[in-house]
Amino acid sequence: MGSMGKPSALKTKEIIVSMTSYPPRIHSAVLALKTIFKQTKLPDKVILWLAESEFPNKLADLPINLRRLITEKNLQVRWCEEDLKSHKKYFWAFKEYPDALIITVDDDVIYPPRLIESLYQSYLVYPHAVSASRTCFIPISQDGEIPPYKSWPVGIDAFISIPSLQLCATGVGGVLYPTSLFSDVQNLLDIEVIKRTCLYEDDLWLKTMELVAGVPVVVAEGIDCLLSTPNSQEIGLYHENLKGRSDRQFLQIQEEINRRYGDNFFLKKLMDPTIGVNLVGVKVLADLIKYYQNKERKLKREYLTKTFNN
């Protein structure tokens, strides 16, 4: 749906790729970082945020091939006194670079060469939105309620180039945040609140900041499929979040935000007709059905091709 328009003339901003990791995945992070240094459009900085408590000997605790990236590719490793789990990949970058383009990436993905270029081209067309390669869709029930997080359709690219508050960027795919859009919600970069409400759900807290700031999310065009790094999916927050932790943390986030901004803030903001496109109604359902049908056909073709070739 939709197509990219012409890029706007914008002041050049610094592009910073920001990542975090922890000991069980630090070797996987090296593979992910190598794909960032092979992009068709290179960032101005690449920063890896690590908790001091998890790497007490600092550089001496890092694998040699990661230390090599520090010297050969000018990778910056920054040490965090507070372990904010996955929030580390954006938290201090937002604070320290309030006028940059922060691209967050995960430590367990082999990123395609055009990731940064595609996200940046999306930003040029939609400078007042967050550009993502992958999103989930936040549906609204007939009763005017937001269903549990685990029921939100994931991996959605049915709404490419349609900025909407009902899209939630998922960090695994790479997300571009124009940090200047969040200047009025810096108060939400609150360590104690994050630890109390959503320590294990950075995507949902970032979505909260977007809603409060009135910043929609748009799916960027031209990003190829993503591959996980070898042996990385047996560990991580994903498995615990599948067990219902995400839904519990989402409820805690809503309670916190309702106290600050009024009752039923999330639903009211999601349906704000002045920001982006409201993805509701029969046409949206038809688009989603078409999307999943096409996806199913594609998977079947790939399966048959693979079976035939073997």
C-alpha atoms as a PDB file:
ATOM      1  CA  MET A   1       0.000   0.000   0.000  1.00  0.00           C
ATOM      2  CA  GLY A   2       1.265   3.450  -0.796  1.00  0.00           C
ATOM      3  CA  SER A   3       4.523   4.445  -2.423  1.00  0.00           C
ATOM      4  CA  MET A   4       7.501   6.539  -1.521  1.00  0.00           C
ATOM      5  CA  GLY A   5       7.289  10.183  -2.544  1.00  0.00           C
ATOM      6  CA  LYS A   6      10.171  12.473  -3.341  1.00  0.00           C
ATOM      7  CA  PRO A   7      12.727  12.983  -0.565  1.00  0.00           C
ATOM      8  CA  SER A   8      12.488  16.357   1.135  1.00  0.00           C
ATOM      9  CA  ALA A   9      15.390  18.764   1.470  1.00  0.00           C
ATOM     10  CA  LEU A  10      16.600  18.343   5.042  1.00  0.00           C
ATOM     11  CA  LYS A  11      19.531  19.528   7.055  1.00  0.00           C
ATOM     12  CA  THR A  12      22.122  16.770   7.232  1.00  0.00           C
ATOM     13  CA  LYS A  13      21.978  15.006  10.570  1.00  0.00           C
ATOM     14  CA  GLU A  14      24.461  12.641  12.157  1.00  0.00           C
ATOM     15  CA  ILE A  15      23.528   8.971  11.716  1.00  0.00           C
ATOM     16  CA  ILE A  16      24.344   6.830  14.737  1.00  0.00           C
ATOM     17  CA  VAL A  17      23.817   3.073  14.937  1.00  0.00           C
ATOM     18  CA  SER A  18      23.188   2.051  18.518  1.00  0.00           C
ATOM     19  CA  MET A  19      23.249  -1.520  19.874  1.00  0.00           C
ATOM     20  CA  THR A  20      23.482  -3.352  23.165  1.00  0.00           C
ATOM     21  CA  SER A  21      24.413  -6.893  24.101  1.00  0.00           C
ATOM     22  CA  TYR A  22      25.218  -9.109  27.071  1.00  0.00           C
ATOM     23  CA  PRO A  23      27.627 -12.001  27.737  1.00  0.00           C
ATOM     24  CA  PRO A  24      25.620 -14.917  26.259  1.00  0.00           C
ATOM     25  CA  ARG A  25      25.225 -13.016  22.987  1.00  0.00           C
ATOM     26  CA  ILE A  26      28.427 -11.025  22.721  1.00  0.00           C
ATOM     27  CA  HIS A  27      29.836 -13.306  20.005  1.00  0.00           C
ATOM     28  CA  SER A  28      26.579 -12.982  18.076  1.00  0.00           C
ATOM     29  CA  ALA A  29      26.860  -9.197  18.401  1.00  0.00           C
ATOM     30  CA  VAL A  30      30.161  -9.319  16.512  1.00  0.00           C
ATOM     31  CA  LEU A  31      28.453 -10.909  13.501  1.00  0.00           C
ATOM     32  CA  ALA A  32      25.648  -8.347  13.602  1.00  0.00           C
ATOM     33  CA  LEU A  33      28.110  -5.460  13.849  1.00  0.00           C
ATOM     34  CA  LYS A  34      30.113  -6.708  10.885  1.00  0.00           C
ATOM     35  CA  THR A  35      26.990  -6.401   8.716  1.00  0.00           C
ATOM     36  CA  ILE A  36      26.582  -2.795   9.878  1.00  0.00           C
ATOM     37  CA  PHE A  37      30.110  -1.963   8.738  1.00  0.00           C
ATOM     38  CA  LYS A  38      29.278  -3.401   5.287  1.00  0.00           C
ATOM     39  CA  GLN A  39      26.267  -1.174   4.623  1.00  0.00           C
ATOM     40  CA  THR A  40      25.792   0.672   1.331  1.00  0.00           C
ATOM     41  CA  LYS A  41      25.345   3.810   3.434  1.00  0.00           C
ATOM     42  CA  LEU A  42      27.689   3.883   6.395  1.00  0.00           C
ATOM     43  CA  PRO A  43      26.746   5.587   9.683  1.00  0.00           C
ATOM     44  CA  ASP A  44      28.783   8.359  11.255  1.00  0.00           C
ATOM     45  CA  LYS A  45      29.114   6.413  14.510  1.00  0.00           C
ATOM     46  CA  VAL A  46      28.456   2.883  15.738  1.00  0.00           C
ATOM     47  CA  ILE A  47      28.046   2.556  19.503  1.00  0.00           C
ATOM     48  CA  LEU A  48      27.800  -0.627  21.550  1.00  0.00           C
ATOM     49  CA  TRP A  49      26.375  -0.042  25.045  1.00  0.00           C
ATOM     50  CA  LEU A  50      27.407  -2.627  27.637  1.00  0.00           C
ATOM     51  CA  ALA A  51      26.633  -2.921  31.347  1.00  0.00           C
ATOM     52  CA  GLU A  52      29.675  -2.692  33.610  1.00  0.00           C
ATOM     53  CA  SER A  53      28.138  -5.307  35.916  1.00  0.00           C
ATOM     54  CA  GLU A  54      28.132  -7.875  33.100  1.00  0.00           C
ATOM     55  CA  PHE A  55      31.668  -7.118  31.873  1.00  0.00           C
ATOM     56  CA  PRO A  56      33.548  -6.250  35.108  1.00  0.00           C
ATOM     57  CA  ASN A  57      36.936  -6.350  33.361  1.00  0.00           C
ATOM     58  CA  LYS A  58      35.588  -4.215  30.532  1.00  0.00           C
ATOM     59  CA  LEU A  59      37.612  -4.646  27.313  1.00  0.00           C
ATOM     60  CA  ALA A  60      39.439  -7.667  28.721  1.00  0.00           C
ATOM     61  CA  ASP A  61      36.078  -9.496  28.888  1.00  0.00           C
ATOM     62  CA  LEU A  62      35.301  -8.900  25.213  1.00  0.00           C
ATOM     63  CA  PRO A  63      36.157 -11.398  22.464  1.00  0.00           C
ATOM     64  CA  ILE A  64      39.221 -10.578  20.396  1.00  0.00           C
ATOM     65  CA  ASN A  65      37.246 -10.128  17.157  1.00  0.00           C
ATOM     66  CA  LEU A  66      35.098  -7.488  18.885  1.00  0.00           C
ATOM     67  CA  ARG A  67      38.182  -5.677  20.147  1.00  0.00           C
ATOM     68  CA  ARG A  68      39.456  -5.768  16.575  1.00  0.00           C
ATOM     69  CA  LEU A  69      36.333  -3.905  15.403  1.00  0.00           C
ATOM     70  CA  ILE A  70      37.039  -1.238  18.009  1.00  0.00           C
ATOM     71  CA  THR A  71      40.473  -0.534  16.562  1.00  0.00           C
ATOM     72  CA  GLU A  72      39.908  -1.267  12.871  1.00  0.00           C
ATOM     73  CA  LYS A  73      36.362   0.089  12.384  1.00  0.00           C
ATOM     74  CA  ASN A  74      36.274   2.751  15.094  1.00  0.00           C
ATOM     75  CA  LEU A  75      33.496   0.972  16.958  1.00  0.00           C
ATOM     76  CA  GLN A  76      32.721   2.800  20.198  1.00  0.00           C
ATOM     77  CA  VAL A  77      32.042   0.735  23.315  1.00  0.00           C
ATOM     78  CA  ARG A  78      30.298   2.683  26.052  1.00  0.00           C
ATOM     79  CA  TRP A  79      30.012   1.384  29.604  1.00  0.00           C
ATOM     80  CA  CYS A  80      26.730   1.765  31.510  1.00  0.00           C
ATOM     81  CA  GLU A  81      26.544   1.843  35.289  1.00  0.00           C
ATOM     82  CA  GLU A  82      22.849   0.921  35.167  1.00  0.00           C
ATOM     83  CA  ASP A  83      21.852  -2.302  33.425  1.00  0.00           C
ATOM     84  CA  LEU A  84      18.650  -1.332  31.644  1.00  0.00           C
ATOM     85  CA  LYS A  85      18.602  -4.579  29.645  1.00  0.00           C
ATOM     86  CA  SER A  86      17.528  -3.936  26.021  1.00  0.00           C
ATOM     87  CA  HIS A  87      16.697  -0.281  26.807  1.00  0.00           C
ATOM     88  CA  LYS A  88      20.457   0.352  26.780  1.00  0.00           C
ATOM     89  CA  LYS A  89      20.452   0.375  22.989  1.00  0.00           C
ATOM     90  CA  TYR A  90      18.584   3.695  22.843  1.00  0.00           C
ATOM     91  CA  PHE A  91      18.423   5.260  26.336  1.00  0.00           C
ATOM     92  CA  TRP A  92      21.740   7.104  26.567  1.00  0.00           C
ATOM     93  CA  ALA A  93      21.956   7.671  22.815  1.00  0.00           C
ATOM     94  CA  PHE A  94      18.712   9.664  22.980  1.00  0.00           C
ATOM     95  CA  LYS A  95      20.093  11.716  25.861  1.00  0.00           C
ATOM     96  CA  GLU A  96      23.534  12.374  24.383  1.00  0.00           C
ATOM     97  CA  TYR A  97      22.528  12.983  20.755  1.00  0.00           C
ATOM     98  CA  PRO A  98      19.305  15.037  20.856  1.00  0.00           C
ATOM     99  CA  ASP A  99      19.517  16.090  17.203  1.00  0.00           C
ATOM    100  CA  ALA A 100      20.811  12.905  15.553  1.00  0.00           C
ATOM    101  CA  LEU A 101      19.232  10.030  13.661  1.00  0.00           C
ATOM    102  CA  ILE A 102      19.541   7.050  15.989  1.00  0.00           C
ATOM    103  CA  ILE A 103      19.226   3.665  14.291  1.00  0.00           C
ATOM    104  CA  THR A 104      18.776   0.892  16.824  1.00  0.00           C
ATOM    105  CA  VAL A 105      19.691  -2.650  15.850  1.00  0.00           C
ATOM    106  CA  ASP A 106      19.690  -5.966  17.688  1.00  0.00           C
ATOM    107  CA  ASP A 107      22.663  -8.180  18.478  1.00  0.00           C
ATOM    108  CA  ASP A 108      21.269 -11.362  16.922  1.00  0.00           C
ATOM    109  CA  VAL A 109      20.516 -10.380  13.308  1.00  0.00           C
ATOM    110  CA  ILE A 110      22.431 -10.504  10.034  1.00  0.00           C
ATOM    111  CA  TYR A 111      21.364  -7.175   8.530  1.00  0.00           C
ATOM    112  CA  PRO A 112      20.991  -6.733   4.760  1.00  0.00           C
ATOM    113  CA  PRO A 113      23.426  -4.280   3.119  1.00  0.00           C
ATOM    114  CA  ARG A 114      20.757  -1.674   2.309  1.00  0.00           C
ATOM    115  CA  LEU A 115      19.211  -1.444   5.786  1.00  0.00           C
ATOM    116  CA  ILE A 116      20.611   1.991   6.684  1.00  0.00           C
ATOM    117  CA  GLU A 117      20.120   3.360   3.180  1.00  0.00           C
ATOM    118  CA  SER A 118      16.474   2.257   3.106  1.00  0.00           C
ATOM    119  CA  LEU A 119      15.711   3.629   6.573  1.00  0.00           C
ATOM    120  CA  TYR A 120      17.403   6.918   5.692  1.00  0.00           C
ATOM    121  CA  GLN A 121      15.479   7.254   2.425  1.00  0.00           C
ATOM    122  CA  SER A 122      12.281   6.673   4.378  1.00  0.00           C
ATOM    123  CA  TYR A 123      13.301   9.387   6.838  1.00  0.00           C
ATOM    124  CA  LEU A 124      13.882  11.860   3.992  1.00  0.00           C
ATOM    125  CA  VAL A 125      10.290  11.334   2.854  1.00  0.00           C
ATOM    126  CA  TYR A 126       8.778  11.072   6.342  1.00  0.00           C
ATOM    127  CA  PRO A 127      11.012  13.192   8.605  1.00  0.00           C
ATOM    128  CA  HIS A 128       8.325  13.495  11.270  1.00  0.00           C
ATOM    129  CA  ALA A 129       7.917   9.748  11.698  1.00  0.00           C
ATOM    130  CA  VAL A 130       9.890   6.819  13.060  1.00  0.00           C
ATOM    131  CA  SER A 131      11.005   4.602  10.150  1.00  0.00           C
ATOM    132  CA  ALA A 132      11.136   0.848  10.722  1.00  0.00           C
ATOM    133  CA  SER A 133      11.766  -2.234   8.639  1.00  0.00           C
ATOM    134  CA  ARG A 134       9.398  -4.334  10.747  1.00  0.00           C
ATOM    135  CA  THR A 135       6.342  -3.435  12.770  1.00  0.00           C
ATOM    136  CA  CYS A 136       3.413  -4.999  14.522  1.00  0.00           C
ATOM    137  CA  PHE A 137      -0.106  -3.699  14.044  1.00  0.00           C
ATOM    138  CA  ILE A 138      -2.072  -2.456  17.052  1.00  0.00           C
ATOM    139  CA  PRO A 139      -5.702  -3.441  16.421  1.00  0.00           C
ATOM    140  CA  ILE A 140      -8.660  -1.821  18.135  1.00  0.00           C
ATOM    141  CA  SER A 141     -11.553  -4.087  19.170  1.00  0.00           C
ATOM    142  CA  GLN A 142     -15.212  -3.338  18.400  1.00  0.00           C
ATOM    143  CA  ASP A 143     -15.605  -2.414  22.062  1.00  0.00           C
ATOM    144  CA  GLY A 144     -12.902   0.220  21.728  1.00  0.00           C
ATOM    145  CA  GLU A 145     -10.225  -1.738  23.561  1.00  0.00           C
ATOM    146  CA  ILE A 146      -6.602  -2.616  22.810  1.00  0.00           C
ATOM    147  CA  PRO A 147      -6.271  -6.431  22.817  1.00  0.00           C
ATOM    148  CA  PRO A 148      -3.350  -8.196  24.556  1.00  0.00           C
ATOM    149  CA  TYR A 149       0.065  -7.474  23.096  1.00  0.00           C
ATOM    150  CA  LYS A 150       0.685 -11.116  22.196  1.00  0.00           C
ATOM    151  CA  SER A 151      -2.313 -10.991  19.826  1.00  0.00           C
ATOM    152  CA  TRP A 152      -1.012  -8.053  17.759  1.00  0.00           C
ATOM    153  CA  PRO A 153      -0.163  -9.122  14.172  1.00  0.00           C
ATOM    154  CA  VAL A 154       3.636  -9.095  13.849  1.00  0.00           C
ATOM    155  CA  GLY A 155       6.086  -8.651  11.000  1.00  0.00           C
ATOM    156  CA  ILE A 156       3.615  -6.429   9.196  1.00  0.00           C
ATOM    157  CA  ASP A 157       4.708  -4.788   5.966  1.00  0.00           C
ATOM    158  CA  ALA A 158       1.159  -4.583   4.608  1.00  0.00           C
ATOM    159  CA  PHE A 159       1.165  -0.840   5.292  1.00  0.00           C
ATOM    160  CA  ILE A 160       4.424   0.237   3.669  1.00  0.00           C
ATOM    161  CA  SER A 161       4.836   4.015   3.443  1.00  0.00           C
ATOM    162  CA  ILE A 162       1.711   4.759   5.500  1.00  0.00           C
ATOM    163  CA  PRO A 163       2.608   6.648   8.693  1.00  0.00           C
ATOM    164  CA  SER A 164       0.330   5.572  11.536  1.00  0.00           C
ATOM    165  CA  LEU A 165       0.223   5.620  15.319  1.00  0.00           C
ATOM    166  CA  GLN A 166      -1.236   2.095  15.128  1.00  0.00           C
ATOM    167  CA  LEU A 167       2.064   0.643  13.948  1.00  0.00           C
ATOM    168  CA  CYS A 168       4.576  -0.390  16.606  1.00  0.00           C
ATOM    169  CA  ALA A 169       8.208  -0.642  15.501  1.00  0.00           C
ATOM    170  CA  THR A 170       9.916  -3.883  16.480  1.00  0.00           C
ATOM    171  CA  GLY A 171      13.581  -3.350  17.228  1.00  0.00           C
ATOM    172  CA  VAL A 172      14.816  -6.596  15.704  1.00  0.00           C
ATOM    173  CA  GLY A 173      14.460  -5.199  12.196  1.00  0.00           C
ATOM    174  CA  GLY A 174      16.313  -1.945  12.736  1.00  0.00           C
ATOM    175  CA  VAL A 175      14.524   1.325  13.547  1.00  0.00           C
ATOM    176  CA  LEU A 176      15.435   4.946  12.751  1.00  0.00           C
ATOM    177  CA  TYR A 177      14.504   7.513  15.408  1.00  0.00           C
ATOM    178  CA  PRO A 178      14.873  11.250  14.664  1.00  0.00           C
ATOM    179  CA  THR A 179      15.651  12.134  18.277  1.00  0.00           C
ATOM    180  CA  SER A 180      14.659  15.794  17.903  1.00  0.00           C
ATOM    181  CA  LEU A 181      11.037  14.616  17.656  1.00  0.00           C
ATOM    182  CA  PHE A 182      11.268  13.448  21.270  1.00  0.00           C
ATOM    183  CA  SER A 183      12.625  16.665  22.795  1.00  0.00           C
ATOM    184  CA  ASP A 184       9.365  17.291  24.677  1.00  0.00           C
ATOM    185  CA  VAL A 185       9.200  13.795  26.199  1.00  0.00           C
ATOM    186  CA  GLN A 186      12.725  13.517  27.599  1.00  0.00           C
ATOM    187  CA  ASN A 187      11.053  13.120  30.999  1.00  0.00           C
ATOM    188  CA  LEU A 188      10.079   9.610  29.904  1.00  0.00           C
ATOM    189  CA  LEU A 189      13.766   8.696  29.806  1.00  0.00           C
ATOM    190  CA  ASP A 190      13.431   7.904  33.491  1.00  0.00           C
ATOM    191  CA  ILE A 191      15.527   5.014  34.779  1.00  0.00           C
ATOM    192  CA  GLU A 192      13.405   4.338  37.844  1.00  0.00           C
ATOM    193  CA  VAL A 193      10.112   4.368  35.929  1.00  0.00           C
ATOM    194  CA  ILE A 194      11.494   2.036  33.262  1.00  0.00           C
ATOM    195  CA  LYS A 195      12.823  -0.379  35.874  1.00  0.00           C
ATOM    196  CA  ARG A 196       9.506  -0.331  37.720  1.00  0.00           C
ATOM    197  CA  THR A 197       7.189  -0.739  34.730  1.00  0.00           C
ATOM    198  CA  CYS A 198       8.835  -2.273  31.658  1.00  0.00           C
ATOM    199  CA  LEU A 199      12.463  -3.277  32.149  1.00  0.00           C
ATOM    200  CA  TYR A 200      12.042  -6.135  29.648  1.00  0.00           C
ATOM    201  CA  GLU A 201       9.992  -4.302  26.994  1.00  0.00           C
ATOM    202  CA  ASP A 202      11.903  -1.562  25.219  1.00  0.00           C
ATOM    203  CA  ASP A 203       9.692  -1.645  22.086  1.00  0.00           C
ATOM    204  CA  LEU A 204       6.574  -0.859  24.119  1.00  0.00           C
ATOM    205  CA  TRP A 205       8.217   1.956  26.071  1.00  0.00           C
ATOM    206  CA  LEU A 206       9.488   3.515  22.849  1.00  0.00           C
ATOM    207  CA  LYS A 207       5.949   3.185  21.456  1.00  0.00           C
ATOM    208  CA  THR A 208       4.730   5.029  24.539  1.00  0.00           C
ATOM    209  CA  MET A 209       7.183   7.866  23.900  1.00  0.00           C
ATOM    210  CA  GLU A 210       5.959   8.049  20.296  1.00  0.00           C
ATOM    211  CA  LEU A 211       2.316   8.293  21.370  1.00  0.00           C
ATOM    212  CA  VAL A 212       3.014  10.999  23.941  1.00  0.00           C
ATOM    213  CA  ALA A 213       5.094  12.953  21.405  1.00  0.00           C
ATOM    214  CA  GLY A 214       2.568  12.392  18.609  1.00  0.00           C
ATOM    215  CA  VAL A 215       5.082  10.618  16.356  1.00  0.00           C
ATOM    216  CA  PRO A 216       3.738   7.975  13.928  1.00  0.00           C
ATOM    217  CA  VAL A 217       5.635   4.933  12.639  1.00  0.00           C
ATOM    218  CA  VAL A 218       6.149   4.188   8.959  1.00  0.00           C
ATOM    219  CA  VAL A 219       7.388   0.963   7.336  1.00  0.00           C
ATOM    220  CA  ALA A 220      10.348   1.642   5.046  1.00  0.00           C
ATOM    221  CA  GLU A 221      10.506   0.235   1.543  1.00  0.00           C
ATOM    222  CA  GLY A 222      13.268  -1.859   0.056  1.00  0.00           C
ATOM    223  CA  ILE A 223      14.512  -3.829   3.063  1.00  0.00           C
ATOM    224  CA  ASP A 224      15.294  -7.480   2.399  1.00  0.00           C
ATOM    225  CA  CYS A 225      14.476 -10.348   4.723  1.00  0.00           C
ATOM    226  CA  LEU A 226      16.445 -10.644   7.952  1.00  0.00           C
ATOM    227  CA  LEU A 227      18.376 -13.665   9.153  1.00  0.00           C
ATOM    228  CA  SER A 228      19.167 -14.540  12.752  1.00  0.00           C
ATOM    229  CA  THR A 229      22.774 -15.096  13.733  1.00  0.00           C
ATOM    230  CA  PRO A 230      23.618 -18.790  14.376  1.00  0.00           C
ATOM    231  CA  ASN A 231      22.511 -20.245  17.746  1.00  0.00           C
ATOM    232  CA  SER A 232      21.165 -16.894  18.970  1.00  0.00           C
ATOM    233  CA  GLN A 233      17.486 -17.727  19.340  1.00  0.00           C
ATOM    234  CA  GLU A 234      17.796 -20.200  22.198  1.00  0.00           C
ATOM    235  CA  ILE A 235      18.377 -17.324  24.619  1.00  0.00           C
ATOM    236  CA  GLY A 236      17.021 -13.842  25.130  1.00  0.00           C
ATOM    237  CA  LEU A 237      14.001 -11.917  26.369  1.00  0.00           C
ATOM    238  CA  TYR A 238      11.797 -13.188  23.551  1.00  0.00           C
ATOM    239  CA  HIS A 239      10.978 -16.507  25.223  1.00  0.00           C
ATOM    240  CA  GLU A 240       9.984 -14.956  28.544  1.00  0.00           C
ATOM    241  CA  ASN A 241       7.941 -12.285  26.795  1.00  0.00           C
ATOM    242  CA  LEU A 242       6.018 -14.988  24.937  1.00  0.00           C
ATOM    243  CA  LYS A 243       4.938 -16.411  28.301  1.00  0.00           C
ATOM    244  CA  GLY A 244       2.921 -13.300  29.062  1.00  0.00           C
ATOM    245  CA  ARG A 245       5.479 -10.921  30.532  1.00  0.00           C
ATOM    246  CA  SER A 246       4.947  -8.450  27.680  1.00  0.00           C
ATOM    247  CA  ASP A 247       1.222  -8.234  28.386  1.00  0.00           C
ATOM    248  CA  ARG A 248       1.850  -7.629  32.089  1.00  0.00           C
ATOM    249  CA  GLN A 249       4.384  -4.923  31.319  1.00  0.00           C
ATOM    250  CA  PHE A 250       2.045  -3.308  28.791  1.00  0.00           C
ATOM    251  CA  LEU A 251      -0.638  -3.021  31.475  1.00  0.00           C
ATOM    252  CA  GLN A 252       1.912  -1.455  33.826  1.00  0.00           C
ATOM    253  CA  ILE A 253       2.931   1.027  31.124  1.00  0.00           C
ATOM    254  CA  GLN A 254      -0.697   2.013  30.539  1.00  0.00           C
ATOM    255  CA  GLU A 255      -1.260   2.542  34.261  1.00  0.00           C
ATOM    256  CA  GLU A 256       1.837   4.758  34.483  1.00  0.00           C
ATOM    257  CA  ILE A 257       0.905   6.826  31.431  1.00  0.00           C
ATOM    258  CA  ASN A 258      -2.752   7.153  32.445  1.00  0.00           C
ATOM    259  CA  ARG A 259      -1.614   8.645  35.743  1.00  0.00           C
ATOM    260  CA  ARG A 260       0.446  11.211  33.858  1.00  0.00           C
ATOM    261  CA  TYR A 261      -1.756  12.057  30.883  1.00  0.00           C
ATOM    262  CA  GLY A 262      -5.303  11.048  31.781  1.00  0.00           C
ATOM    263  CA  ASP A 263      -7.546   8.005  31.646  1.00  0.00           C
ATOM    264  CA  ASN A 264      -7.521   5.812  28.551  1.00  0.00           C
ATOM    265  CA  PHE A 265      -4.634   7.785  27.063  1.00  0.00           C
ATOM    266  CA  PHE A 266      -3.375   4.983  24.816  1.00  0.00           C
ATOM    267  CA  LEU A 267      -6.652   4.376  23.016  1.00  0.00           C
ATOM    268  CA  LYS A 268      -7.437   8.067  22.614  1.00  0.00           C
ATOM    269  CA  LYS A 269      -3.989   8.765  21.196  1.00  0.00           C
ATOM    270  CA  LEU A 270      -3.990   5.771  18.860  1.00  0.00           C
ATOM    271  CA  MET A 271      -7.194   7.080  17.311  1.00  0.00           C
ATOM    272  CA  ASP A 272      -6.019  10.690  17.030  1.00  0.00           C
ATOM    273  CA  PRO A 273      -7.244  11.679  13.516  1.00  0.00           C
ATOM    274  CA  THR A 274      -4.732  14.525  13.247  1.00  0.00           C
ATOM    275  CA  ILE A 275      -1.647  12.267  13.240  1.00  0.00           C
ATOM    276  CA  GLY A 276      -0.911   9.776  10.485  1.00  0.00           C
ATOM    277  CA  VAL A 277      -3.529   7.343   9.188  1.00  0.00           C
ATOM    278  CA  ASN A 278      -6.106   5.525  11.308  1.00  0.00           C
ATOM    279  CA  LEU A 279      -5.895   1.869  10.288  1.00  0.00           C
ATOM    280  CA  VAL A 280      -9.482   0.892  11.000  1.00  0.00           C
ATOM    281  CA  GLY A 281     -12.471  -0.335   9.064  1.00  0.00           C
ATOM    282  CA  VAL A 282     -13.246  -2.906   6.392  1.00  0.00           C
ATOM    283  CA  LYS A 283     -10.523  -1.774   3.976  1.00  0.00           C
ATOM    284  CA  VAL A 284      -7.802  -2.319   6.567  1.00  0.00           C
ATOM    285  CA  LEU A 285      -9.094  -5.819   7.302  1.00  0.00           C
ATOM    286  CA  ALA A 286      -9.162  -6.560   3.575  1.00  0.00           C
ATOM    287  CA  ASP A 287      -5.582  -5.306   3.221  1.00  0.00           C
ATOM    288  CA  LEU A 288      -4.452  -7.519   6.105  1.00  0.00           C
ATOM    289  CA  ILE A 289      -6.215 -10.565   4.661  1.00  0.00           C
ATOM    290  CA  LYS A 290      -4.612  -9.921   1.273  1.00  0.00           C
ATOM    291  CA  TYR A 291      -1.232  -9.498   2.932  1.00  0.00           C
ATOM    292  CA  TYR A 292      -1.448 -12.825   4.769  1.00  0.00           C
ATOM    293  CA  GLN A 293      -2.761 -14.620   1.694  1.00  0.00           C
ATOM    294  CA  ASN A 294       0.173 -13.352  -0.373  1.00  0.00           C
ATOM    295  CA  LYS A 295       2.551 -14.296   2.413  1.00  0.00           C
ATOM    296  CA  GLU A 296       1.117 -17.814   2.569  1.00  0.00           C
ATOM    297  CA  ARG A 297       1.441 -18.244  -1.202  1.00  0.00           C
ATOM    298  CA  LYS A 298       5.026 -17.013  -1.090  1.00  0.00           C
ATOM    299  CA  LEU A 299       5.929 -19.466   1.690  1.00  0.00           C
ATOM    300  CA  LYS A 300       4.338 -22.324  -0.235  1.00  0.00           C
ATOM    301  CA  ARG A 301       6.292 -21.437  -3.392  1.00  0.00           C
ATOM    302  CA  GLU A 302       9.528 -21.276  -1.423  1.00  0.00           C
ATOM    303  CA  TYR A 303       8.781 -24.630   0.219  1.00  0.00           C
ATOM    304  CA  LEU A 304       7.958 -26.310  -3.108  1.00  0.00           C
ATOM    305  CA  THR A 305      11.056 -24.825  -4.766  1.00  0.00           C
ATOM    306  CA  LYS A 306      13.262 -26.022  -1.930  1.00  0.00           C
ATOM    307  CA  THR A 307      11.681 -29.505  -1.949  1.00  0.00           C
ATOM    308  CA  PHE A 308      12.024 -29.810  -5.737  1.00  0.00           C
ATOM    309  CA  ASN A 309      15.662 -28.670  -5.729  1.00  0.00           C
ATOM    310  CA  ASN A 310      16.548 -31.180  -3.019  1.00  0.00           C
END
